Amino acid sequence: MRWCAACPAAAIVLGLGLAAPTATLAQDVGVVQADIVLIDPERLFEDTRLGQAIARRIQQERDALIARNRTLEAELEAEERALTELRDETAPEDFRDLADAFDEKVQQIRLDSERRARELERSRERAPRDFLRQVEPILVEIMRDAGAVTVLDQRSVLLSSEVVNLTDLAIRRIDERLGAGASGDGPAPQSEEQEN
């Protein structure tokens, strides 16, 4: 990056107060002008309605899986008790067949539950990345509005001016455009500024 009067974004980042040809644009769009801006992806996911809706959906799926497993466990325990009661009145060969069928059923249920748990964990791990892909057009728009060439993850930056952290702006725009997405209340109505 060249540090010169012809580089207004650098002047703003350093607080040098040099007049910038893009100052009008900055006032029009209400976004600081800088070559590099910061976004906190974790806050975007946690504080936007879309991110919260995704997190709620994953939690609901987790709760449903736990409830399903508890129900299956209770059913299997009842079936095992019933099988034990049949032991004395059933021929050994027949009982062995019943016991083997029960063991196979237990193993299948266990495998299915483990598969569902793995899928849910993968879904939980993927959620923030999928969320960022979904909101990427809005982040690109904010980057353009700021005249930036780079967006950095706020969490990996040691020192910065708070003015170049555009996380709050990104949260507002994501909420305005996407709301809670397909899994929630949908996008908020457009403001007059967005419609123009």
C-alpha atoms as a PDB file:
ATOM      1  CA  MET A   1       0.000   0.000   0.000  1.00  0.00           C
ATOM      2  CA  ARG A   2       1.403   3.475  -0.895  1.00  0.00           C
ATOM      3  CA  TRP A   3       1.118   6.138   1.808  1.00  0.00           C
ATOM      4  CA  CYS A   4       0.488   9.440   0.055  1.00  0.00           C
ATOM      5  CA  ALA A   5      -1.987  12.297  -0.218  1.00  0.00           C
ATOM      6  CA  ALA A   6      -3.407  10.595  -3.294  1.00  0.00           C
ATOM      7  CA  CYS A   7      -4.389   7.642  -1.080  1.00  0.00           C
ATOM      8  CA  PRO A   8      -7.314   9.081   0.962  1.00  0.00           C
ATOM      9  CA  ALA A   9      -8.230   5.772   2.574  1.00  0.00           C
ATOM     10  CA  ALA A  10      -4.782   5.487   4.111  1.00  0.00           C
ATOM     11  CA  ALA A  11      -5.076   9.017   5.461  1.00  0.00           C
ATOM     12  CA  ILE A  12      -8.382   8.204   7.150  1.00  0.00           C
ATOM     13  CA  VAL A  13      -7.013   4.987   8.671  1.00  0.00           C
ATOM     14  CA  LEU A  14      -4.066   6.911  10.104  1.00  0.00           C
ATOM     15  CA  GLY A  15      -6.262   9.818  11.152  1.00  0.00           C
ATOM     16  CA  LEU A  16      -4.146  12.331   9.203  1.00  0.00           C
ATOM     17  CA  GLY A  17      -7.226  14.286   8.170  1.00  0.00           C
ATOM     18  CA  LEU A  18      -6.205  14.797   4.550  1.00  0.00           C
ATOM     19  CA  ALA A  19      -8.982  15.892   2.219  1.00  0.00           C
ATOM     20  CA  ALA A  20     -10.223  12.977   0.219  1.00  0.00           C
ATOM     21  CA  PRO A  21     -11.957  13.034  -3.157  1.00  0.00           C
ATOM     22  CA  THR A  22     -14.258  10.237  -1.911  1.00  0.00           C
ATOM     23  CA  ALA A  23     -15.487  12.185   1.142  1.00  0.00           C
ATOM     24  CA  THR A  24     -18.821  12.902  -0.560  1.00  0.00           C
ATOM     25  CA  LEU A  25     -19.327   9.240  -1.303  1.00  0.00           C
ATOM     26  CA  ALA A  26     -18.526   8.392   2.313  1.00  0.00           C
ATOM     27  CA  GLN A  27     -21.207  10.816   3.524  1.00  0.00           C
ATOM     28  CA  ASP A  28     -23.734   9.567   0.972  1.00  0.00           C
ATOM     29  CA  VAL A  29     -23.477   5.919   1.950  1.00  0.00           C
ATOM     30  CA  GLY A  30     -22.611   6.486   5.618  1.00  0.00           C
ATOM     31  CA  VAL A  31     -19.610   4.131   5.497  1.00  0.00           C
ATOM     32  CA  VAL A  32     -16.047   4.996   6.466  1.00  0.00           C
ATOM     33  CA  GLN A  33     -13.663   4.989   3.503  1.00  0.00           C
ATOM     34  CA  ALA A  34     -10.645   2.747   4.026  1.00  0.00           C
ATOM     35  CA  ASP A  35      -8.517   0.317   2.027  1.00  0.00           C
ATOM     36  CA  ILE A  36      -8.910  -2.294   4.746  1.00  0.00           C
ATOM     37  CA  VAL A  37     -12.032  -2.851   6.833  1.00  0.00           C
ATOM     38  CA  LEU A  38     -12.706  -5.325   9.626  1.00  0.00           C
ATOM     39  CA  ILE A  39     -15.612  -7.685  10.238  1.00  0.00           C
ATOM     40  CA  ASP A  40     -16.101 -10.059  13.173  1.00  0.00           C
ATOM     41  CA  PRO A  41     -17.658 -13.200  11.582  1.00  0.00           C
ATOM     42  CA  GLU A  42     -18.478 -14.718  14.969  1.00  0.00           C
ATOM     43  CA  ARG A  43     -20.518 -11.649  15.952  1.00  0.00           C
ATOM     44  CA  LEU A  44     -22.245 -11.670  12.560  1.00  0.00           C
ATOM     45  CA  PHE A  45     -23.401 -15.235  13.169  1.00  0.00           C
ATOM     46  CA  GLU A  46     -24.363 -14.673  16.822  1.00  0.00           C
ATOM     47  CA  ASP A  47     -26.004 -11.240  16.498  1.00  0.00           C
ATOM     48  CA  THR A  48     -27.906 -11.381  13.204  1.00  0.00           C
ATOM     49  CA  ARG A  49     -31.432 -12.739  13.063  1.00  0.00           C
ATOM     50  CA  LEU A  50     -30.344 -15.119  10.307  1.00  0.00           C
ATOM     51  CA  GLY A  51     -27.458 -16.517  12.359  1.00  0.00           C
ATOM     52  CA  GLN A  52     -29.670 -16.821  15.431  1.00  0.00           C
ATOM     53  CA  ALA A  53     -32.336 -18.643  13.390  1.00  0.00           C
ATOM     54  CA  ILE A  54     -29.726 -21.096  12.088  1.00  0.00           C
ATOM     55  CA  ALA A  55     -28.409 -21.682  15.630  1.00  0.00           C
ATOM     56  CA  ARG A  56     -31.977 -22.215  16.903  1.00  0.00           C
ATOM     57  CA  ARG A  57     -32.696 -24.723  14.135  1.00  0.00           C
ATOM     58  CA  ILE A  58     -29.557 -26.696  14.971  1.00  0.00           C
ATOM     59  CA  GLN A  59     -30.445 -26.647  18.682  1.00  0.00           C
ATOM     60  CA  GLN A  60     -33.980 -27.849  17.884  1.00  0.00           C
ATOM     61  CA  GLU A  61     -32.553 -30.695  15.793  1.00  0.00           C
ATOM     62  CA  ARG A  62     -30.213 -31.588  18.661  1.00  0.00           C
ATOM     63  CA  ASP A  63     -33.083 -31.544  21.174  1.00  0.00           C
ATOM     64  CA  ALA A  64     -35.208 -33.683  18.849  1.00  0.00           C
ATOM     65  CA  LEU A  65     -32.362 -36.194  18.478  1.00  0.00           C
ATOM     66  CA  ILE A  66     -31.926 -36.395  22.260  1.00  0.00           C
ATOM     67  CA  ALA A  67     -35.688 -36.899  22.726  1.00  0.00           C
ATOM     68  CA  ARG A  68     -35.735 -39.580  19.990  1.00  0.00           C
ATOM     69  CA  ASN A  69     -32.838 -41.429  21.614  1.00  0.00           C
ATOM     70  CA  ARG A  70     -34.544 -41.341  25.015  1.00  0.00           C
ATOM     71  CA  THR A  71     -37.780 -42.683  23.528  1.00  0.00           C
ATOM     72  CA  LEU A  72     -35.939 -45.482  21.717  1.00  0.00           C
ATOM     73  CA  GLU A  73     -34.002 -46.325  24.859  1.00  0.00           C
ATOM     74  CA  ALA A  74     -37.228 -46.628  26.888  1.00  0.00           C
ATOM     75  CA  GLU A  75     -38.805 -48.780  24.151  1.00  0.00           C
ATOM     76  CA  LEU A  76     -35.777 -51.069  24.006  1.00  0.00           C
ATOM     77  CA  GLU A  77     -35.695 -51.440  27.777  1.00  0.00           C
ATOM     78  CA  ALA A  78     -39.380 -52.427  27.760  1.00  0.00           C
ATOM     79  CA  GLU A  79     -38.763 -54.875  24.919  1.00  0.00           C
ATOM     80  CA  GLU A  80     -35.800 -56.374  26.743  1.00  0.00           C
ATOM     81  CA  ARG A  81     -37.895 -56.887  29.894  1.00  0.00           C
ATOM     82  CA  ALA A  82     -40.629 -58.574  27.841  1.00  0.00           C
ATOM     83  CA  LEU A  83     -38.021 -60.799  26.189  1.00  0.00           C
ATOM     84  CA  THR A  84     -36.580 -61.771  29.585  1.00  0.00           C
ATOM     85  CA  GLU A  85     -40.052 -62.769  30.777  1.00  0.00           C
ATOM     86  CA  LEU A  86     -40.412 -65.067  27.744  1.00  0.00           C
ATOM     87  CA  ARG A  87     -37.198 -66.895  28.532  1.00  0.00           C
ATOM     88  CA  ASP A  88     -38.734 -69.539  30.847  1.00  0.00           C
ATOM     89  CA  GLU A  89     -41.653 -70.352  28.559  1.00  0.00           C
ATOM     90  CA  THR A  90     -39.779 -70.404  25.236  1.00  0.00           C
ATOM     91  CA  ALA A  91     -37.688 -73.189  23.741  1.00  0.00           C
ATOM     92  CA  PRO A  92     -33.944 -72.359  23.925  1.00  0.00           C
ATOM     93  CA  GLU A  93     -33.523 -72.304  20.128  1.00  0.00           C
ATOM     94  CA  ASP A  94     -36.537 -70.019  19.689  1.00  0.00           C
ATOM     95  CA  PHE A  95     -35.396 -67.775  22.507  1.00  0.00           C
ATOM     96  CA  ARG A  96     -31.916 -67.536  20.980  1.00  0.00           C
ATOM     97  CA  ASP A  97     -33.495 -66.440  17.672  1.00  0.00           C
ATOM     98  CA  LEU A  98     -35.563 -63.796  19.505  1.00  0.00           C
ATOM     99  CA  ALA A  99     -32.517 -62.602  21.457  1.00  0.00           C
ATOM    100  CA  ASP A 100     -30.373 -62.422  18.298  1.00  0.00           C
ATOM    101  CA  ALA A 101     -33.083 -60.445  16.479  1.00  0.00           C
ATOM    102  CA  PHE A 102     -33.303 -58.075  19.452  1.00  0.00           C
ATOM    103  CA  ASP A 103     -29.500 -57.619  19.538  1.00  0.00           C
ATOM    104  CA  GLU A 104     -29.480 -56.889  15.810  1.00  0.00           C
ATOM    105  CA  LYS A 105     -32.253 -54.336  16.254  1.00  0.00           C
ATOM    106  CA  VAL A 106     -30.314 -52.656  19.100  1.00  0.00           C
ATOM    107  CA  GLN A 107     -27.163 -52.507  16.952  1.00  0.00           C
ATOM    108  CA  GLN A 108     -29.057 -50.991  13.996  1.00  0.00           C
ATOM    109  CA  ILE A 109     -30.664 -48.368  16.222  1.00  0.00           C
ATOM    110  CA  ARG A 110     -27.280 -47.546  17.756  1.00  0.00           C
ATOM    111  CA  LEU A 111     -25.655 -47.184  14.331  1.00  0.00           C
ATOM    112  CA  ASP A 112     -28.522 -45.006  13.107  1.00  0.00           C
ATOM    113  CA  SER A 113     -28.318 -42.785  16.196  1.00  0.00           C
ATOM    114  CA  GLU A 114     -24.550 -42.392  15.803  1.00  0.00           C
ATOM    115  CA  ARG A 115     -25.000 -41.500  12.114  1.00  0.00           C
ATOM    116  CA  ARG A 116     -27.625 -38.883  12.990  1.00  0.00           C
ATOM    117  CA  ALA A 117     -25.364 -37.430  15.702  1.00  0.00           C
ATOM    118  CA  ARG A 118     -22.429 -37.192  13.243  1.00  0.00           C
ATOM    119  CA  GLU A 119     -24.621 -35.502  10.621  1.00  0.00           C
ATOM    120  CA  LEU A 120     -25.858 -33.009  13.196  1.00  0.00           C
ATOM    121  CA  GLU A 121     -22.290 -32.262  14.324  1.00  0.00           C
ATOM    122  CA  ARG A 122     -21.209 -31.728  10.706  1.00  0.00           C
ATOM    123  CA  SER A 123     -24.199 -29.435  10.197  1.00  0.00           C
ATOM    124  CA  ARG A 124     -23.255 -27.464  13.324  1.00  0.00           C
ATOM    125  CA  GLU A 125     -19.640 -27.123  12.166  1.00  0.00           C
ATOM    126  CA  ARG A 126     -20.695 -26.085   8.638  1.00  0.00           C
ATOM    127  CA  ALA A 127     -23.291 -23.540   9.776  1.00  0.00           C
ATOM    128  CA  PRO A 128     -20.963 -20.516  10.219  1.00  0.00           C
ATOM    129  CA  ARG A 129     -19.301 -21.138   6.828  1.00  0.00           C
ATOM    130  CA  ASP A 130     -22.646 -21.606   5.074  1.00  0.00           C
ATOM    131  CA  PHE A 131     -23.896 -18.446   6.806  1.00  0.00           C
ATOM    132  CA  LEU A 132     -20.898 -16.438   5.543  1.00  0.00           C
ATOM    133  CA  ARG A 133     -21.497 -17.682   1.996  1.00  0.00           C
ATOM    134  CA  GLN A 134     -25.119 -16.585   2.275  1.00  0.00           C
ATOM    135  CA  VAL A 135     -24.239 -13.072   3.489  1.00  0.00           C
ATOM    136  CA  GLU A 136     -21.195 -12.649   1.229  1.00  0.00           C
ATOM    137  CA  PRO A 137     -22.995 -10.407  -1.309  1.00  0.00           C
ATOM    138  CA  ILE A 138     -23.862  -7.987   1.514  1.00  0.00           C
ATOM    139  CA  LEU A 139     -20.264  -7.993   2.774  1.00  0.00           C
ATOM    140  CA  VAL A 140     -19.016  -7.359  -0.773  1.00  0.00           C
ATOM    141  CA  GLU A 141     -21.430  -4.437  -1.045  1.00  0.00           C
ATOM    142  CA  ILE A 142     -20.150  -2.992   2.251  1.00  0.00           C
ATOM    143  CA  MET A 143     -16.563  -3.430   1.043  1.00  0.00           C
ATOM    144  CA  ARG A 144     -17.427  -1.520  -2.142  1.00  0.00           C
ATOM    145  CA  ASP A 145     -19.224   1.217  -0.192  1.00  0.00           C
ATOM    146  CA  ALA A 146     -16.107   1.638   1.960  1.00  0.00           C
ATOM    147  CA  GLY A 147     -13.850   1.724  -1.090  1.00  0.00           C
ATOM    148  CA  ALA A 148     -11.968  -1.166   0.517  1.00  0.00           C
ATOM    149  CA  VAL A 149      -9.870  -3.757  -1.259  1.00  0.00           C
ATOM    150  CA  THR A 150      -9.655  -6.120   1.710  1.00  0.00           C
ATOM    151  CA  VAL A 151     -11.901  -7.302   4.525  1.00  0.00           C
ATOM    152  CA  LEU A 152     -10.059  -8.836   7.472  1.00  0.00           C
ATOM    153  CA  ASP A 153     -11.362 -10.966  10.327  1.00  0.00           C
ATOM    154  CA  GLN A 154     -11.458  -8.648  13.365  1.00  0.00           C
ATOM    155  CA  ARG A 155     -10.415 -11.537  15.631  1.00  0.00           C
ATOM    156  CA  SER A 156      -7.040 -11.893  13.896  1.00  0.00           C
ATOM    157  CA  VAL A 157      -6.127  -8.192  14.067  1.00  0.00           C
ATOM    158  CA  LEU A 158      -3.905  -7.061  16.924  1.00  0.00           C
ATOM    159  CA  LEU A 159      -4.558  -3.291  16.756  1.00  0.00           C
ATOM    160  CA  SER A 160      -6.984  -1.226  14.721  1.00  0.00           C
ATOM    161  CA  SER A 161      -9.101   1.886  14.781  1.00  0.00           C
ATOM    162  CA  GLU A 162     -12.681   1.006  15.768  1.00  0.00           C
ATOM    163  CA  VAL A 163     -13.910   3.166  12.880  1.00  0.00           C
ATOM    164  CA  VAL A 164     -12.830   0.535  10.321  1.00  0.00           C
ATOM    165  CA  ASN A 165     -14.717  -2.240  12.118  1.00  0.00           C
ATOM    166  CA  LEU A 166     -17.914  -2.513  10.082  1.00  0.00           C
ATOM    167  CA  THR A 167     -19.455  -5.443  11.970  1.00  0.00           C
ATOM    168  CA  ASP A 168     -22.374  -3.413  13.357  1.00  0.00           C
ATOM    169  CA  LEU A 169     -23.170  -2.064   9.884  1.00  0.00           C
ATOM    170  CA  ALA A 170     -22.998  -5.581   8.439  1.00  0.00           C
ATOM    171  CA  ILE A 171     -25.353  -6.894  11.142  1.00  0.00           C
ATOM    172  CA  ARG A 172     -27.882  -4.141  10.357  1.00  0.00           C
ATOM    173  CA  ARG A 173     -27.762  -4.766   6.620  1.00  0.00           C
ATOM    174  CA  ILE A 174     -28.016  -8.542   6.974  1.00  0.00           C
ATOM    175  CA  ASP A 175     -31.032  -8.142   9.260  1.00  0.00           C
ATOM    176  CA  GLU A 176     -32.642  -5.659   6.844  1.00  0.00           C
ATOM    177  CA  ARG A 177     -32.058  -7.793   3.746  1.00  0.00           C
ATOM    178  CA  LEU A 178     -32.307 -11.363   5.011  1.00  0.00           C
ATOM    179  CA  GLY A 179     -34.114 -11.206   8.341  1.00  0.00           C
ATOM    180  CA  ALA A 180     -34.157 -14.696   9.815  1.00  0.00           C
ATOM    181  CA  GLY A 181     -34.108 -16.271   6.348  1.00  0.00           C
ATOM    182  CA  ALA A 182     -36.299 -19.142   5.213  1.00  0.00           C
ATOM    183  CA  SER A 183     -36.287 -20.632   8.715  1.00  0.00           C
ATOM    184  CA  GLY A 184     -37.686 -17.544  10.427  1.00  0.00           C
ATOM    185  CA  ASP A 185     -39.531 -14.314   9.851  1.00  0.00           C
ATOM    186  CA  GLY A 186     -37.910 -13.471   6.519  1.00  0.00           C
ATOM    187  CA  PRO A 187     -36.387 -10.146   5.521  1.00  0.00           C
ATOM    188  CA  ALA A 188     -37.404  -6.927   7.105  1.00  0.00           C
ATOM    189  CA  PRO A 189     -39.233  -4.405   4.898  1.00  0.00           C
ATOM    190  CA  GLN A 190     -36.883  -2.292   2.830  1.00  0.00           C
ATOM    191  CA  SER A 191     -36.206   1.214   4.019  1.00  0.00           C
ATOM    192  CA  GLU A 192     -36.734   4.150   1.653  1.00  0.00           C
ATOM    193  CA  GLU A 193     -32.935   4.473   1.368  1.00  0.00           C
ATOM    194  CA  GLN A 194     -32.670   0.857   0.100  1.00  0.00           C
ATOM    195  CA  GLU A 195     -35.520   1.223  -2.353  1.00  0.00           C
ATOM    196  CA  ASN A 196     -33.906   4.249  -4.036  1.00  0.00           C
END
